[in-house]
Amino acid sequence: MRKRDDNKIDALYEATIELVNEIGIAATTVAKIAKRANVSAATMYIYFENKEDMLSKAYVTSKMKLSTFLFSGVDPSVSVQERFELMLRRFVAFIEQYKEQFLFMEQISNSPLLEKWCLDEVSAFYDPISALFTEGRQQQLFKEEDLQLLVLYSVVPIVHWVKEQLKVQTTIDGQQLNKVIRMSWEAIRA
């Protein structure tokens, strides 16, 4: 039995992300992934069952990286608003720092493939968001709405704003970011 080579797995993930971003999910093939990763297609099949398995695992790995990035160093003793703002700032920082992974996750999230995959697995990565919003509702800081709606109204506008910013410039304007975060807070505040 072959020994697991994490460098090859990382190269396959990176190649998958690059190709999906460049040519889309449908045009990305096992052969193209293997070639980009500089491994044989047979090597890819040692680690992954097929293209769908590769995409799914690359997605889960990217989501785990995002989750770790979002919540590392968050002090649970600070106010809900401070944690909310920090979470949004860290999300924007992740998008800036890991743009390729973010764009890959966006493509997968908009694909019908996601419905067949790992939704339960990745949803656990975001338990801290649910906990934050639940705490905010318990403290009567947030509107009495479904948690998913609160998250959507506060996070999705930031994502779209950042994507627009990345189209026209390489860095995010800090003053504008402050305004967008304030608007996100106001959108869900009780």
N, C-alpha and C. Protein backbone atom coordinates (compact mmCIF):
# COMPACT_ATOMS: atom_id res chain seq x y z
N MET A 1 0.84 -1.18 0.00
CA MET A 1 0.00 0.00 0.00
C MET A 1 0.88 1.25 0.00
N ARG A 2 0.49 2.21 -0.81
CA ARG A 2 1.26 3.44 -0.89
C ARG A 2 1.05 4.33 0.31
N LYS A 3 2.12 5.04 0.64
CA LYS A 3 2.06 5.99 1.74
C LYS A 3 1.40 7.28 1.25
N ARG A 4 0.59 7.87 2.11
CA ARG A 4 -0.10 9.11 1.78
C ARG A 4 0.92 10.23 1.61
N ASP A 5 0.84 10.96 0.51
CA ASP A 5 1.74 12.07 0.22
C ASP A 5 0.93 13.37 0.27
N ASP A 6 1.03 14.06 1.41
CA ASP A 6 0.26 15.30 1.61
C ASP A 6 0.64 16.38 0.60
N ASN A 7 1.88 16.38 0.13
CA ASN A 7 2.29 17.37 -0.87
C ASN A 7 1.53 17.17 -2.18
N LYS A 8 1.34 15.90 -2.55
CA LYS A 8 0.58 15.62 -3.78
C LYS A 8 -0.89 15.98 -3.60
N ILE A 9 -1.43 15.69 -2.43
CA ILE A 9 -2.82 16.04 -2.17
C ILE A 9 -3.01 17.56 -2.23
N ASP A 10 -2.10 18.29 -1.60
CA ASP A 10 -2.16 19.75 -1.65
C ASP A 10 -2.05 20.26 -3.08
N ALA A 11 -1.16 19.66 -3.86
CA ALA A 11 -1.01 20.06 -5.27
C ALA A 11 -2.28 19.78 -6.05
N LEU A 12 -2.95 18.67 -5.75
CA LEU A 12 -4.21 18.34 -6.42
C LEU A 12 -5.31 19.32 -6.03
N TYR A 13 -5.37 19.68 -4.75
CA TYR A 13 -6.35 20.68 -4.31
C TYR A 13 -6.11 22.00 -5.01
N GLU A 14 -4.86 22.43 -5.02
CA GLU A 14 -4.52 23.71 -5.64
C GLU A 14 -4.85 23.70 -7.13
N ALA A 15 -4.52 22.61 -7.81
CA ALA A 15 -4.81 22.51 -9.24
C ALA A 15 -6.32 22.53 -9.49
N THR A 16 -7.07 21.85 -8.64
CA THR A 16 -8.52 21.82 -8.78
C THR A 16 -9.10 23.22 -8.62
N ILE A 17 -8.67 23.92 -7.60
CA ILE A 17 -9.16 25.28 -7.35
C ILE A 17 -8.82 26.20 -8.52
N GLU A 18 -7.59 26.13 -8.99
CA GLU A 18 -7.18 26.98 -10.12
C GLU A 18 -8.00 26.69 -11.36
N LEU A 19 -8.17 25.41 -11.68
CA LEU A 19 -8.89 25.06 -12.89
C LEU A 19 -10.37 25.43 -12.82
N VAL A 20 -11.00 25.16 -11.70
CA VAL A 20 -12.42 25.52 -11.56
C VAL A 20 -12.58 27.03 -11.73
N ASN A 21 -11.67 27.80 -11.16
CA ASN A 21 -11.74 29.25 -11.30
C ASN A 21 -11.47 29.72 -12.74
N GLU A 22 -10.60 29.02 -13.43
CA GLU A 22 -10.23 29.42 -14.79
C GLU A 22 -11.23 28.96 -15.84
N ILE A 23 -11.68 27.69 -15.74
CA ILE A 23 -12.48 27.13 -16.84
C ILE A 23 -13.85 26.60 -16.40
N GLY A 24 -14.10 26.62 -15.10
CA GLY A 24 -15.40 26.16 -14.61
C GLY A 24 -15.41 24.70 -14.20
N ILE A 25 -16.46 24.33 -13.51
CA ILE A 25 -16.58 22.97 -12.97
C ILE A 25 -16.70 21.95 -14.10
N ALA A 26 -17.57 22.21 -15.06
CA ALA A 26 -17.84 21.23 -16.12
C ALA A 26 -16.59 20.94 -16.96
N ALA A 27 -15.82 21.96 -17.25
CA ALA A 27 -14.65 21.76 -18.11
C ALA A 27 -13.44 21.21 -17.35
N THR A 28 -13.49 21.22 -16.05
CA THR A 28 -12.39 20.67 -15.24
C THR A 28 -12.50 19.15 -15.24
N THR A 29 -11.44 18.50 -15.66
CA THR A 29 -11.43 17.03 -15.73
C THR A 29 -10.31 16.48 -14.84
N VAL A 30 -10.40 15.19 -14.57
CA VAL A 30 -9.35 14.52 -13.80
C VAL A 30 -8.01 14.66 -14.50
N ALA A 31 -8.00 14.49 -15.81
CA ALA A 31 -6.75 14.59 -16.56
C ALA A 31 -6.15 15.99 -16.44
N LYS A 32 -6.99 17.02 -16.53
CA LYS A 32 -6.49 18.41 -16.42
C LYS A 32 -5.99 18.70 -15.00
N ILE A 33 -6.70 18.20 -14.02
CA ILE A 33 -6.27 18.40 -12.63
C ILE A 33 -4.91 17.74 -12.41
N ALA A 34 -4.78 16.48 -12.84
CA ALA A 34 -3.53 15.74 -12.66
C ALA A 34 -2.37 16.44 -13.37
N LYS A 35 -2.64 16.86 -14.61
CA LYS A 35 -1.58 17.55 -15.37
C LYS A 35 -1.15 18.82 -14.66
N ARG A 36 -2.11 19.63 -14.21
CA ARG A 36 -1.80 20.90 -13.52
C ARG A 36 -1.03 20.63 -12.24
N ALA A 37 -1.38 19.54 -11.53
CA ALA A 37 -0.72 19.20 -10.27
C ALA A 37 0.62 18.49 -10.49
N ASN A 38 0.90 18.19 -11.75
CA ASN A 38 2.14 17.50 -12.11
C ASN A 38 2.22 16.09 -11.49
N VAL A 39 1.08 15.40 -11.53
CA VAL A 39 1.02 14.00 -11.10
C VAL A 39 0.26 13.23 -12.18
N SER A 40 0.31 11.93 -12.12
CA SER A 40 -0.45 11.13 -13.08
C SER A 40 -1.90 11.04 -12.63
N ALA A 41 -2.78 10.81 -13.58
CA ALA A 41 -4.20 10.63 -13.25
C ALA A 41 -4.36 9.43 -12.32
N ALA A 42 -3.55 8.41 -12.51
CA ALA A 42 -3.62 7.23 -11.64
C ALA A 42 -3.30 7.61 -10.19
N THR A 43 -2.37 8.54 -10.00
CA THR A 43 -2.03 9.00 -8.66
C THR A 43 -3.22 9.69 -8.02
N MET A 44 -3.95 10.47 -8.81
CA MET A 44 -5.12 11.15 -8.28
C MET A 44 -6.14 10.13 -7.76
N TYR A 45 -6.28 9.04 -8.48
CA TYR A 45 -7.26 8.02 -8.09
C TYR A 45 -6.84 7.24 -6.84
N ILE A 46 -5.60 7.39 -6.44
CA ILE A 46 -5.16 6.79 -5.16
C ILE A 46 -5.83 7.53 -4.00
N TYR A 47 -5.99 8.83 -4.17
CA TYR A 47 -6.49 9.68 -3.08
C TYR A 47 -7.98 10.03 -3.19
N PHE A 48 -8.50 9.99 -4.41
CA PHE A 48 -9.88 10.41 -4.64
C PHE A 48 -10.58 9.42 -5.56
N GLU A 49 -11.86 9.21 -5.32
CA GLU A 49 -12.62 8.24 -6.12
C GLU A 49 -12.82 8.72 -7.55
N ASN A 50 -13.11 10.02 -7.71
CA ASN A 50 -13.41 10.59 -9.02
C ASN A 50 -13.35 12.12 -8.91
N LYS A 51 -13.71 12.78 -9.97
CA LYS A 51 -13.68 14.25 -10.00
C LYS A 51 -14.61 14.83 -8.93
N GLU A 52 -15.80 14.27 -8.79
CA GLU A 52 -16.75 14.78 -7.82
C GLU A 52 -16.21 14.67 -6.39
N ASP A 53 -15.56 13.56 -6.09
CA ASP A 53 -14.94 13.38 -4.77
C ASP A 53 -13.84 14.41 -4.56
N MET A 54 -13.05 14.66 -5.60
CA MET A 54 -11.97 15.65 -5.53
C MET A 54 -12.55 17.03 -5.25
N LEU A 55 -13.59 17.41 -6.00
CA LEU A 55 -14.22 18.72 -5.81
C LEU A 55 -14.81 18.84 -4.41
N SER A 56 -15.48 17.80 -3.97
CA SER A 56 -16.10 17.81 -2.64
C SER A 56 -15.07 17.99 -1.55
N LYS A 57 -13.98 17.24 -1.63
CA LYS A 57 -12.96 17.33 -0.59
C LYS A 57 -12.20 18.66 -0.65
N ALA A 58 -12.00 19.18 -1.84
CA ALA A 58 -11.37 20.50 -1.95
C ALA A 58 -12.27 21.57 -1.35
N TYR A 59 -13.58 21.41 -1.56
CA TYR A 59 -14.54 22.36 -0.99
C TYR A 59 -14.55 22.29 0.53
N VAL A 60 -14.61 21.08 1.07
CA VAL A 60 -14.61 20.92 2.53
C VAL A 60 -13.33 21.47 3.13
N THR A 61 -12.20 21.20 2.50
CA THR A 61 -10.91 21.70 2.99
C THR A 61 -10.89 23.23 2.97
N SER A 62 -11.41 23.82 1.92
CA SER A 62 -11.45 25.29 1.82
C SER A 62 -12.38 25.88 2.87
N LYS A 63 -13.53 25.26 3.08
CA LYS A 63 -14.47 25.74 4.09
C LYS A 63 -13.87 25.63 5.49
N MET A 64 -13.15 24.55 5.75
CA MET A 64 -12.51 24.39 7.05
C MET A 64 -11.46 25.48 7.26
N LYS A 65 -10.72 25.79 6.22
CA LYS A 65 -9.71 26.86 6.30
C LYS A 65 -10.38 28.20 6.60
N LEU A 66 -11.49 28.48 5.93
CA LEU A 66 -12.23 29.71 6.17
C LEU A 66 -12.73 29.76 7.61
N SER A 67 -13.31 28.68 8.07
CA SER A 67 -13.85 28.63 9.43
C SER A 67 -12.75 28.86 10.46
N THR A 68 -11.64 28.20 10.30
CA THR A 68 -10.50 28.36 11.21
C THR A 68 -10.02 29.81 11.20
N PHE A 69 -9.93 30.39 10.02
CA PHE A 69 -9.49 31.77 9.88
C PHE A 69 -10.47 32.73 10.56
N LEU A 70 -11.77 32.51 10.34
CA LEU A 70 -12.79 33.40 10.90
C LEU A 70 -12.78 33.44 12.42
N PHE A 71 -12.62 32.28 13.04
CA PHE A 71 -12.87 32.20 14.47
C PHE A 71 -11.63 32.07 15.34
N SER A 72 -10.45 32.00 14.73
CA SER A 72 -9.25 31.92 15.56
C SER A 72 -9.01 33.26 16.24
N GLY A 73 -8.73 33.20 17.51
CA GLY A 73 -8.43 34.41 18.26
C GLY A 73 -9.62 35.25 18.66
N VAL A 74 -10.83 34.74 18.45
CA VAL A 74 -12.02 35.49 18.85
C VAL A 74 -12.22 35.32 20.35
N ASP A 75 -12.29 36.43 21.04
CA ASP A 75 -12.44 36.43 22.49
C ASP A 75 -13.93 36.36 22.83
N PRO A 76 -14.40 35.25 23.41
CA PRO A 76 -15.82 35.12 23.71
C PRO A 76 -16.31 36.07 24.80
N SER A 77 -15.38 36.75 25.49
CA SER A 77 -15.80 37.65 26.56
C SER A 77 -16.15 39.06 26.06
N VAL A 78 -15.80 39.36 24.82
CA VAL A 78 -16.15 40.69 24.30
C VAL A 78 -17.61 40.70 23.86
N SER A 79 -18.15 41.86 23.62
CA SER A 79 -19.56 42.01 23.28
C SER A 79 -19.91 41.31 21.97
N VAL A 80 -21.19 41.03 21.81
CA VAL A 80 -21.69 40.42 20.58
C VAL A 80 -21.34 41.31 19.39
N GLN A 81 -21.52 42.61 19.54
CA GLN A 81 -21.22 43.52 18.44
C GLN A 81 -19.74 43.48 18.06
N GLU A 82 -18.86 43.44 19.04
CA GLU A 82 -17.43 43.37 18.74
C GLU A 82 -17.07 42.07 18.03
N ARG A 83 -17.65 40.96 18.47
CA ARG A 83 -17.39 39.68 17.80
C ARG A 83 -17.98 39.66 16.40
N PHE A 84 -19.17 40.24 16.23
CA PHE A 84 -19.81 40.35 14.92
C PHE A 84 -18.90 41.12 13.96
N GLU A 85 -18.43 42.28 14.41
CA GLU A 85 -17.56 43.11 13.57
C GLU A 85 -16.25 42.40 13.25
N LEU A 86 -15.67 41.75 14.25
CA LEU A 86 -14.42 41.02 14.02
C LEU A 86 -14.63 39.89 13.01
N MET A 87 -15.74 39.18 13.15
CA MET A 87 -16.02 38.09 12.22
C MET A 87 -16.10 38.63 10.79
N LEU A 88 -16.79 39.74 10.59
CA LEU A 88 -16.91 40.30 9.25
C LEU A 88 -15.55 40.79 8.73
N ARG A 89 -14.77 41.42 9.59
CA ARG A 89 -13.44 41.88 9.18
C ARG A 89 -12.54 40.71 8.79
N ARG A 90 -12.62 39.64 9.57
CA ARG A 90 -11.81 38.46 9.27
C ARG A 90 -12.29 37.79 7.97
N PHE A 91 -13.59 37.83 7.73
CA PHE A 91 -14.13 37.28 6.49
C PHE A 91 -13.58 38.05 5.29
N VAL A 92 -13.59 39.36 5.38
CA VAL A 92 -13.05 40.20 4.31
C VAL A 92 -11.55 39.93 4.14
N ALA A 93 -10.84 39.81 5.24
CA ALA A 93 -9.40 39.53 5.18
C ALA A 93 -9.14 38.18 4.52
N PHE A 94 -9.98 37.19 4.83
CA PHE A 94 -9.84 35.88 4.19
C PHE A 94 -10.02 36.01 2.68
N ILE A 95 -11.04 36.72 2.27
CA ILE A 95 -11.29 36.88 0.83
C ILE A 95 -10.10 37.55 0.15
N GLU A 96 -9.54 38.56 0.78
CA GLU A 96 -8.37 39.24 0.21
C GLU A 96 -7.15 38.32 0.17
N GLN A 97 -6.93 37.60 1.24
CA GLN A 97 -5.73 36.77 1.36
C GLN A 97 -5.84 35.46 0.58
N TYR A 98 -7.03 34.91 0.49
CA TYR A 98 -7.24 33.61 -0.16
C TYR A 98 -8.31 33.74 -1.25
N LYS A 99 -8.09 34.69 -2.11
CA LYS A 99 -9.08 35.00 -3.15
C LYS A 99 -9.42 33.78 -4.00
N GLU A 100 -8.44 33.01 -4.40
CA GLU A 100 -8.69 31.85 -5.26
C GLU A 100 -9.58 30.82 -4.57
N GLN A 101 -9.31 30.55 -3.29
CA GLN A 101 -10.15 29.60 -2.57
C GLN A 101 -11.56 30.14 -2.39
N PHE A 102 -11.67 31.43 -2.12
CA PHE A 102 -12.99 32.04 -1.98
C PHE A 102 -13.78 31.92 -3.28
N LEU A 103 -13.17 32.24 -4.41
CA LEU A 103 -13.87 32.16 -5.69
C LEU A 103 -14.26 30.73 -6.01
N PHE A 104 -13.41 29.79 -5.67
CA PHE A 104 -13.73 28.36 -5.85
C PHE A 104 -14.96 27.99 -5.02
N MET A 105 -14.97 28.39 -3.74
CA MET A 105 -16.11 28.07 -2.88
C MET A 105 -17.39 28.71 -3.42
N GLU A 106 -17.27 29.89 -3.97
CA GLU A 106 -18.43 30.56 -4.55
C GLU A 106 -18.99 29.74 -5.72
N GLN A 107 -18.10 29.24 -6.58
CA GLN A 107 -18.57 28.44 -7.71
C GLN A 107 -19.24 27.16 -7.25
N ILE A 108 -18.63 26.50 -6.28
CA ILE A 108 -19.22 25.25 -5.77
C ILE A 108 -20.55 25.55 -5.09
N SER A 109 -20.60 26.62 -4.32
CA SER A 109 -21.83 26.98 -3.61
C SER A 109 -22.98 27.26 -4.57
N ASN A 110 -22.66 27.73 -5.76
CA ASN A 110 -23.70 28.03 -6.75
C ASN A 110 -23.99 26.85 -7.68
N SER A 111 -23.40 25.72 -7.40
CA SER A 111 -23.57 24.54 -8.23
C SER A 111 -24.58 23.58 -7.61
N PRO A 112 -25.35 22.89 -8.42
CA PRO A 112 -26.27 21.89 -7.87
C PRO A 112 -25.53 20.70 -7.23
N LEU A 113 -24.25 20.56 -7.52
CA LEU A 113 -23.47 19.48 -6.92
C LEU A 113 -23.45 19.56 -5.40
N LEU A 114 -23.45 20.77 -4.89
CA LEU A 114 -23.33 20.96 -3.44
C LEU A 114 -24.46 20.27 -2.69
N GLU A 115 -25.63 20.22 -3.28
CA GLU A 115 -26.76 19.58 -2.61
C GLU A 115 -26.51 18.11 -2.33
N LYS A 116 -25.68 17.46 -3.15
CA LYS A 116 -25.40 16.03 -2.98
C LYS A 116 -24.27 15.78 -1.99
N TRP A 117 -23.54 16.82 -1.65
CA TRP A 117 -22.34 16.65 -0.88
C TRP A 117 -22.53 17.00 0.57
N CYS A 118 -21.57 17.20 1.21
CA CYS A 118 -21.11 17.49 2.54
C CYS A 118 -21.74 18.65 3.28
N LEU A 119 -23.01 18.94 3.05
CA LEU A 119 -23.61 20.09 3.72
C LEU A 119 -23.59 19.95 5.24
N ASP A 120 -23.85 18.74 5.72
CA ASP A 120 -23.82 18.53 7.17
C ASP A 120 -22.40 18.73 7.71
N GLU A 121 -21.43 18.23 6.97
CA GLU A 121 -20.04 18.34 7.41
C GLU A 121 -19.58 19.80 7.49
N VAL A 122 -19.89 20.60 6.49
CA VAL A 122 -19.42 21.99 6.50
C VAL A 122 -20.27 22.87 7.40
N SER A 123 -21.52 22.51 7.62
CA SER A 123 -22.35 23.35 8.47
C SER A 123 -21.81 23.40 9.90
N ALA A 124 -21.19 22.32 10.35
CA ALA A 124 -20.61 22.30 11.70
C ALA A 124 -19.47 23.30 11.85
N PHE A 125 -18.81 23.65 10.74
CA PHE A 125 -17.72 24.62 10.80
C PHE A 125 -18.22 26.00 11.23
N TYR A 126 -19.51 26.23 11.04
CA TYR A 126 -20.06 27.55 11.30
C TYR A 126 -20.93 27.61 12.54
N ASP A 127 -20.77 26.63 13.42
CA ASP A 127 -21.50 26.67 14.69
C ASP A 127 -21.21 27.94 15.48
N PRO A 128 -19.97 28.47 15.46
CA PRO A 128 -19.73 29.72 16.19
C PRO A 128 -20.57 30.90 15.68
N ILE A 129 -20.90 30.91 14.39
CA ILE A 129 -21.77 31.98 13.86
C ILE A 129 -23.16 31.82 14.44
N SER A 130 -23.67 30.59 14.41
CA SER A 130 -25.00 30.34 14.98
C SER A 130 -25.04 30.72 16.45
N ALA A 131 -23.99 30.36 17.17
CA ALA A 131 -23.93 30.69 18.60
C ALA A 131 -23.93 32.20 18.81
N LEU A 132 -23.17 32.92 18.00
CA LEU A 132 -23.12 34.38 18.11
C LEU A 132 -24.49 35.00 17.85
N PHE A 133 -25.14 34.56 16.79
CA PHE A 133 -26.45 35.12 16.46
C PHE A 133 -27.51 34.71 17.48
N THR A 134 -27.41 33.51 17.99
CA THR A 134 -28.34 33.07 19.05
C THR A 134 -28.15 33.94 20.28
N GLU A 135 -26.91 34.17 20.66
CA GLU A 135 -26.62 35.03 21.81
C GLU A 135 -27.14 36.45 21.57
N GLY A 136 -26.96 36.95 20.35
CA GLY A 136 -27.45 38.28 20.02
C GLY A 136 -28.97 38.38 20.13
N ARG A 137 -29.65 37.34 19.72
CA ARG A 137 -31.11 37.33 19.87
C ARG A 137 -31.51 37.23 21.34
N GLN A 138 -30.80 36.39 22.10
CA GLN A 138 -31.11 36.25 23.53
C GLN A 138 -30.93 37.57 24.27
N GLN A 139 -29.93 38.33 23.85
CA GLN A 139 -29.70 39.65 24.48
C GLN A 139 -30.58 40.73 23.86
N GLN A 140 -31.47 40.33 22.98
CA GLN A 140 -32.39 41.23 22.29
C GLN A 140 -31.67 42.32 21.49
N LEU A 141 -30.50 41.96 20.98
CA LEU A 141 -29.74 42.87 20.12
C LEU A 141 -30.19 42.74 18.67
N PHE A 142 -30.64 41.54 18.30
CA PHE A 142 -31.02 41.26 16.92
C PHE A 142 -32.53 41.11 16.81
N LYS A 143 -32.99 41.30 15.60
CA LYS A 143 -34.41 41.11 15.31
C LYS A 143 -34.80 39.66 15.62
N GLU A 144 -36.04 39.45 15.95
CA GLU A 144 -36.55 38.10 16.20
C GLU A 144 -36.90 37.45 14.87
N GLU A 145 -35.89 37.11 14.13
CA GLU A 145 -36.05 36.46 12.83
C GLU A 145 -35.28 35.15 12.84
N ASP A 146 -35.52 34.36 11.84
CA ASP A 146 -34.79 33.11 11.65
C ASP A 146 -33.29 33.41 11.58
N LEU A 147 -32.49 32.57 12.25
CA LEU A 147 -31.04 32.80 12.27
C LEU A 147 -30.45 32.87 10.87
N GLN A 148 -30.92 32.00 9.99
CA GLN A 148 -30.39 32.01 8.63
C GLN A 148 -30.65 33.35 7.93
N LEU A 149 -31.82 33.91 8.16
CA LEU A 149 -32.12 35.22 7.57
C LEU A 149 -31.21 36.30 8.13
N LEU A 150 -30.96 36.25 9.42
CA LEU A 150 -30.07 37.24 10.03
C LEU A 150 -28.66 37.15 9.44
N VAL A 151 -28.18 35.94 9.29
CA VAL A 151 -26.85 35.75 8.70
C VAL A 151 -26.85 36.24 7.25
N LEU A 152 -27.86 35.88 6.50
CA LEU A 152 -27.92 36.31 5.10
C LEU A 152 -27.94 37.83 4.96
N TYR A 153 -28.75 38.49 5.77
CA TYR A 153 -28.86 39.94 5.67
C TYR A 153 -27.61 40.66 6.13
N SER A 154 -26.81 40.02 6.95
CA SER A 154 -25.61 40.70 7.45
C SER A 154 -24.33 40.30 6.72
N VAL A 155 -24.26 39.09 6.20
CA VAL A 155 -23.01 38.62 5.58
C VAL A 155 -23.03 38.72 4.06
N VAL A 156 -24.12 38.33 3.43
CA VAL A 156 -24.16 38.31 1.96
C VAL A 156 -23.88 39.68 1.34
N PRO A 157 -24.43 40.78 1.88
CA PRO A 157 -24.09 42.09 1.29
C PRO A 157 -22.59 42.40 1.35
N ILE A 158 -21.93 41.98 2.42
CA ILE A 158 -20.48 42.20 2.53
C ILE A 158 -19.75 41.41 1.45
N VAL A 159 -20.17 40.17 1.24
CA VAL A 159 -19.53 39.32 0.22
C VAL A 159 -19.64 40.00 -1.15
N HIS A 160 -20.83 40.45 -1.49
CA HIS A 160 -21.01 41.09 -2.79
C HIS A 160 -20.22 42.39 -2.89
N TRP A 161 -20.17 43.16 -1.82
CA TRP A 161 -19.39 44.39 -1.82
C TRP A 161 -17.91 44.09 -2.04
N VAL A 162 -17.39 43.09 -1.33
CA VAL A 162 -15.98 42.74 -1.47
C VAL A 162 -15.68 42.26 -2.89
N LYS A 163 -16.55 41.45 -3.45
CA LYS A 163 -16.32 40.98 -4.83
C LYS A 163 -16.27 42.16 -5.80
N GLU A 164 -17.14 43.14 -5.61
CA GLU A 164 -17.11 44.33 -6.47
C GLU A 164 -15.81 45.11 -6.27
N GLN A 165 -15.36 45.21 -5.03
CA GLN A 165 -14.11 45.92 -4.75
C GLN A 165 -12.92 45.22 -5.40
N LEU A 166 -12.91 43.91 -5.35
CA LEU A 166 -11.80 43.16 -5.93
C LEU A 166 -11.76 43.28 -7.45
N LYS A 167 -12.89 43.55 -8.06
CA LYS A 167 -12.91 43.73 -9.51
C LYS A 167 -12.18 45.00 -9.93
N VAL A 168 -12.22 46.03 -9.08
CA VAL A 168 -11.68 47.33 -9.49
C VAL A 168 -10.39 47.74 -8.77
N GLN A 169 -10.06 47.09 -7.68
CA GLN A 169 -8.84 47.46 -6.95
C GLN A 169 -8.29 46.25 -6.21
N THR A 170 -7.07 46.37 -5.72
CA THR A 170 -6.46 45.22 -5.06
C THR A 170 -6.62 45.24 -3.54
N THR A 171 -6.91 46.38 -2.97
CA THR A 171 -7.08 46.43 -1.52
C THR A 171 -8.44 47.01 -1.17
N ILE A 172 -8.90 46.66 -0.01
CA ILE A 172 -10.19 47.13 0.48
C ILE A 172 -10.00 48.45 1.22
N ASP A 173 -10.86 49.41 0.93
CA ASP A 173 -10.83 50.70 1.61
C ASP A 173 -11.37 50.53 3.03
N GLY A 174 -10.55 50.82 4.02
CA GLY A 174 -10.92 50.62 5.42
C GLY A 174 -12.11 51.44 5.87
N GLN A 175 -12.22 52.68 5.40
CA GLN A 175 -13.36 53.52 5.78
C GLN A 175 -14.66 52.98 5.20
N GLN A 176 -14.60 52.55 3.96
CA GLN A 176 -15.79 51.96 3.35
C GLN A 176 -16.17 50.67 4.07
N LEU A 177 -15.18 49.88 4.41
CA LEU A 177 -15.45 48.63 5.13
C LEU A 177 -16.15 48.93 6.45
N ASN A 178 -15.69 49.93 7.16
CA ASN A 178 -16.35 50.32 8.42
C ASN A 178 -17.82 50.66 8.18
N LYS A 179 -18.10 51.38 7.10
CA LYS A 179 -19.49 51.74 6.79
C LYS A 179 -20.32 50.50 6.47
N VAL A 180 -19.75 49.61 5.68
CA VAL A 180 -20.48 48.40 5.28
C VAL A 180 -20.77 47.53 6.51
N ILE A 181 -19.81 47.41 7.40
CA ILE A 181 -20.01 46.63 8.63
C ILE A 181 -21.10 47.28 9.49
N ARG A 182 -21.05 48.58 9.61
CA ARG A 182 -22.08 49.29 10.38
C ARG A 182 -23.46 49.08 9.77
N MET A 183 -23.55 49.12 8.46
CA MET A 183 -24.82 48.90 7.78
C MET A 183 -25.30 47.46 7.98
N SER A 184 -24.38 46.50 7.98
CA SER A 184 -24.75 45.10 8.23
C SER A 184 -25.31 44.94 9.63
N TRP A 185 -24.67 45.59 10.59
CA TRP A 185 -25.14 45.53 11.97
C TRP A 185 -26.55 46.14 12.07
N GLU A 186 -26.72 47.29 11.45
CA GLU A 186 -28.01 47.98 11.50
C GLU A 186 -29.13 47.18 10.83
N ALA A 187 -28.77 46.40 9.82
CA ALA A 187 -29.77 45.62 9.09
C ALA A 187 -30.43 44.55 9.96
N ILE A 188 -29.71 44.08 10.97
CA ILE A 188 -30.26 42.99 11.79
C ILE A 188 -30.53 43.39 13.22
N ARG A 189 -30.11 44.60 13.59
CA ARG A 189 -30.26 45.06 14.97
C ARG A 189 -31.74 45.25 15.31
N ALA A 190 -32.09 44.88 16.55
CA ALA A 190 -33.49 45.01 17.01
C ALA A 190 -33.85 46.47 17.18
